[in-house]
Amino acid sequence: MDDRILKVLTKRQEGVLATIYTDPSHSQITNDLRRHNAQYPRIEVRNCSNVHDRFLIIDDTVYFIGGSIKDLGKKIVAFSQMHQNPESILTRLR
């Protein structure tokens, strides 16, 4: 995860919450997140080290993202809607 994800999330509408689950040992985001949260609606970051794949959860819909989110718009990246309850994924994150 890097600051490009934060830039995308600055465009979310007022009242839309954002939480990012990431492995802190693979992320250089701490300072960028501090600056972002001082200027824009807060993004919560939770530590998660047991997931390799990328998921996007919007309300009650779960999407599997086949590539790095930072490459969106640069390379072909597949999104697949999963027919799974978001809680079944969120409860397994640690």
Protein backbone atom coordinates (compact mmCIF):
# COMPACT_ATOMS: atom_id res chain seq x y z
CA MET A 1 0.00 0.00 0.00
CA ASP A 2 1.29 3.46 -0.80
CA ASP A 3 0.20 7.10 -1.00
CA ARG A 4 -1.50 6.56 -4.38
CA ILE A 5 -4.29 4.70 -2.60
CA LEU A 6 -4.73 7.65 -0.25
CA LYS A 7 -5.04 9.99 -3.23
CA VAL A 8 -7.83 7.84 -4.68
CA LEU A 9 -9.65 7.86 -1.35
CA THR A 10 -9.59 11.68 -1.14
CA LYS A 11 -12.27 11.63 -3.85
CA ARG A 12 -14.83 9.76 -1.77
CA GLN A 13 -18.04 11.55 -0.90
CA GLU A 14 -18.60 13.14 2.47
CA GLY A 15 -19.70 10.58 5.05
CA VAL A 16 -18.13 7.60 3.27
CA LEU A 17 -15.91 5.69 5.68
CA ALA A 18 -12.68 4.02 4.58
CA THR A 19 -10.70 1.34 6.38
CA ILE A 20 -7.53 -0.20 4.97
CA TYR A 21 -6.19 -3.52 6.19
CA THR A 22 -2.50 -3.91 5.44
CA ASP A 23 0.66 -5.56 6.69
CA PRO A 24 2.61 -2.75 8.37
CA SER A 25 5.93 -4.47 7.67
CA HIS A 26 5.28 -4.08 3.92
CA SER A 27 3.92 -0.56 4.04
CA GLN A 28 5.65 2.82 4.13
CA ILE A 29 2.38 4.60 4.70
CA THR A 30 2.60 5.89 8.29
CA ASN A 31 3.78 9.45 7.54
CA ASP A 32 1.61 9.77 4.42
CA LEU A 33 -1.43 8.65 6.38
CA ARG A 34 -0.74 11.15 9.16
CA ARG A 35 -0.58 14.00 6.62
CA HIS A 36 -3.67 12.73 4.78
CA ASN A 37 -5.76 12.46 7.95
CA ALA A 38 -4.84 16.02 8.92
CA GLN A 39 -6.26 17.39 5.64
CA TYR A 40 -9.04 14.98 4.58
CA PRO A 41 -11.66 12.75 6.19
CA ARG A 42 -9.88 10.14 8.28
CA ILE A 43 -8.87 6.78 6.88
CA GLU A 44 -8.53 4.05 9.46
CA VAL A 45 -5.69 1.58 8.99
CA ARG A 46 -5.71 -1.79 10.70
CA ASN A 47 -2.84 -4.24 10.83
CA CYS A 48 -3.37 -7.43 8.87
CA SER A 49 -0.64 -9.90 7.97
CA ASN A 50 -2.56 -13.06 7.00
CA VAL A 51 -3.84 -11.98 3.56
CA HIS A 52 -2.00 -11.80 0.26
CA ASP A 53 -4.89 -11.04 -2.08
CA ARG A 54 -6.71 -7.75 -2.42
CA PHE A 55 -10.35 -7.27 -1.64
CA LEU A 56 -12.59 -4.25 -1.99
CA ILE A 57 -15.72 -4.16 0.15
CA ILE A 58 -18.37 -1.60 -0.67
CA ASP A 59 -21.39 -1.79 1.61
CA ASP A 60 -22.51 -5.45 1.34
CA THR A 61 -20.59 -6.35 -1.82
CA VAL A 62 -17.16 -7.99 -1.88
CA TYR A 63 -14.86 -7.72 -4.89
CA PHE A 64 -11.68 -9.70 -5.45
CA ILE A 65 -9.00 -7.65 -7.18
CA GLY A 66 -6.53 -9.73 -9.17
CA GLY A 67 -3.66 -7.24 -9.20
CA SER A 68 -2.16 -4.39 -7.31
CA ILE A 69 -4.57 -1.52 -6.78
CA LYS A 70 -1.75 0.94 -7.42
CA ASP A 71 -1.59 -0.37 -11.02
CA LEU A 72 -5.21 0.44 -11.82
CA GLY A 73 -5.37 2.40 -15.04
CA LYS A 74 -1.85 1.33 -16.05
CA LYS A 75 -2.26 -2.41 -16.58
CA ILE A 76 -5.08 -4.86 -17.07
CA VAL A 77 -6.44 -5.72 -13.64
CA ALA A 78 -9.41 -8.03 -13.11
CA PHE A 79 -12.20 -7.30 -10.61
CA SER A 80 -14.52 -10.16 -9.71
CA GLN A 81 -17.62 -9.83 -7.59
CA MET A 82 -17.72 -12.47 -4.90
CA HIS A 83 -21.00 -13.82 -3.61
CA GLN A 84 -19.83 -13.79 -0.04
CA ASN A 85 -20.85 -11.88 3.07
CA PRO A 86 -18.27 -9.17 3.90
CA GLU A 87 -18.28 -10.28 7.55
CA SER A 88 -16.95 -13.71 6.53
CA ILE A 89 -13.78 -11.99 5.30
CA LEU A 90 -13.54 -9.22 7.88
CA THR A 91 -13.77 -11.62 10.85
CA ARG A 92 -10.78 -13.59 9.50
CA LEU A 93 -8.43 -10.62 9.19
CA ARG A 94 -5.67 -10.44 11.79
